[in-house]
């Protein structure tokens, strides 16, 4: 069974590119453009991994991650952001990994593979 990934990114082109690359790599992928939409998706279909942009409208990634973890969410989190303080923010949120924009798609795929393998005890 492939890992389920939610890509939380407000930029449609980035969300679609990342989603297609992850699907091509064998992951089951869903996408959301803000934190509220992500919570609606997660209520219907929990995931193994979240790829979360920090700067988004409606509910940004900081608020989403805070609410998700406080609510008992257990999926691994990869922070994907152009925010200047992305490394610090990722550590504070206990993210499994941090990827700075602009990013190399192959680096993202390697990071997703590493995080999903580690979380499944392989």
Protein backbone atom coordinates (compact mmCIF):
# COMPACT_ATOMS: atom_id res chain seq x y z
CA UNK A 1 0.00 0.00 0.00
CA UNK A 2 1.42 3.37 -0.98
CA UNK A 3 1.71 6.25 1.44
CA UNK A 4 -1.01 8.89 1.29
CA UNK A 5 0.26 12.46 0.94
CA UNK A 6 -1.57 15.78 1.25
CA UNK A 7 0.11 18.70 -0.52
CA UNK A 8 -0.98 21.93 1.16
CA UNK A 9 0.09 24.76 -1.16
CA UNK A 10 -1.77 27.88 -2.34
CA UNK A 11 0.14 28.18 -5.63
CA UNK A 12 -1.86 26.01 -8.03
CA UNK A 13 1.06 25.32 -10.36
CA UNK A 14 3.38 24.21 -7.54
CA UNK A 15 0.66 22.08 -5.91
CA UNK A 16 -0.13 20.37 -9.22
CA UNK A 17 3.54 19.85 -10.15
CA UNK A 18 4.36 18.33 -6.76
CA UNK A 19 1.20 16.23 -6.82
CA UNK A 20 1.92 14.81 -10.27
CA UNK A 21 5.54 14.03 -9.36
CA UNK A 22 4.44 12.24 -6.19
CA UNK A 23 1.76 10.28 -8.06
CA UNK A 24 4.37 9.26 -10.67
CA UNK A 25 6.54 8.04 -7.77
CA UNK A 26 3.69 5.83 -6.54
CA UNK A 27 2.09 7.92 -3.78
CA UNK A 28 -1.63 8.52 -3.36
CA UNK A 29 -1.93 12.32 -3.43
CA UNK A 30 -4.53 14.90 -2.47
CA UNK A 31 -4.12 18.67 -2.66
CA UNK A 32 -5.48 21.67 -0.78
CA UNK A 33 -4.89 25.39 -1.26
CA UNK A 34 -5.33 26.47 2.39
CA UNK A 35 -5.52 25.05 5.90
CA UNK A 36 -9.32 25.03 6.11
CA UNK A 37 -9.61 22.99 2.92
CA UNK A 38 -6.92 20.64 4.20
CA UNK A 39 -8.86 19.94 7.41
CA UNK A 40 -11.98 19.17 5.36
CA UNK A 41 -10.01 16.64 3.29
CA UNK A 42 -8.36 15.11 6.36
CA UNK A 43 -11.73 14.51 8.02
CA UNK A 44 -12.69 12.27 5.09
CA UNK A 45 -9.31 10.71 4.34
CA UNK A 46 -6.38 10.76 6.79
CA UNK A 47 -2.88 10.80 5.31
CA UNK A 48 0.60 9.54 6.19
CA UNK A 49 2.47 12.69 5.17
CA UNK A 50 1.74 16.40 4.87
CA UNK A 51 3.76 18.68 2.58
CA UNK A 52 2.90 22.13 3.91
CA UNK A 53 3.63 25.62 2.59
CA UNK A 54 3.80 28.18 5.40
CA UNK A 55 2.51 31.30 3.66
CA UNK A 56 -1.10 30.82 2.50
CA UNK A 57 -4.39 32.72 2.68
CA UNK A 58 -7.31 31.89 5.00
CA UNK A 59 -5.27 29.66 7.36
CA UNK A 60 -1.51 29.69 6.89
CA UNK A 61 0.77 26.72 7.38
CA UNK A 62 1.89 27.82 10.85
CA UNK A 63 -1.71 27.84 12.12
CA UNK A 64 -2.59 24.64 10.25
CA UNK A 65 0.33 22.71 11.75
CA UNK A 66 -0.39 24.04 15.24
CA UNK A 67 -4.05 23.01 15.08
CA UNK A 68 -3.23 19.69 13.41
CA UNK A 69 -0.70 18.62 16.03
CA UNK A 70 -2.74 19.95 18.97
CA UNK A 71 -5.71 18.00 17.62
CA UNK A 72 -3.73 14.76 17.73
CA UNK A 73 -2.70 14.59 14.07
CA UNK A 74 0.05 12.03 13.59
CA UNK A 75 1.14 12.36 9.96
CA UNK A 76 4.74 13.32 9.32
CA UNK A 77 5.18 16.91 8.12
CA UNK A 78 7.52 18.33 5.49
CA UNK A 79 7.60 22.13 5.46
CA UNK A 80 7.96 23.62 1.97
CA UNK A 81 8.36 27.38 1.99
CA UNK A 82 10.14 30.49 0.77
CA UNK A 83 9.80 32.08 4.23
CA UNK A 84 13.12 33.47 5.47
CA UNK A 85 12.78 31.73 8.83
CA UNK A 86 11.76 28.36 7.36
CA UNK A 87 14.49 26.32 9.09
CA UNK A 88 13.69 27.75 12.52
CA UNK A 89 9.96 27.39 11.93
CA UNK A 90 10.41 23.78 10.83
CA UNK A 91 12.35 22.92 13.98
CA UNK A 92 9.79 24.66 16.21
CA UNK A 93 6.97 22.69 14.54
CA UNK A 94 8.94 19.43 14.80
CA UNK A 95 8.74 18.94 11.05
CA UNK A 96 10.39 15.79 9.73
CA UNK A 97 12.08 17.89 7.05
CA UNK A 98 12.28 21.42 5.69
CA UNK A 99 12.62 22.27 2.00
CA UNK A 100 13.24 25.84 0.92
CA UNK A 101 11.68 27.32 -2.20
CA UNK A 102 12.78 27.39 -4.89
CA UNK A 103 13.41 23.67 -4.65
CA UNK A 104 14.62 20.82 -6.83
CA UNK A 105 11.80 18.33 -7.47
CA UNK A 106 14.20 15.38 -7.16
CA UNK A 107 15.30 16.63 -3.73
CA UNK A 108 11.65 16.81 -2.67
CA UNK A 109 10.99 13.25 -3.91
CA UNK A 110 14.06 11.92 -2.07
CA UNK A 111 12.94 13.69 1.11
CA UNK A 112 9.40 12.31 0.84
CA UNK A 113 10.79 8.80 0.31
CA UNK A 114 13.13 9.13 3.31
CA UNK A 115 10.41 10.49 5.62
CA UNK A 116 7.79 7.93 4.60
CA UNK A 117 10.26 5.04 4.97
CA UNK A 118 11.33 6.27 8.41
CA UNK A 119 7.73 6.66 9.58
CA UNK A 120 6.81 3.15 8.44
CA UNK A 121 9.74 1.60 10.32
CA UNK A 122 11.49 0.37 7.19
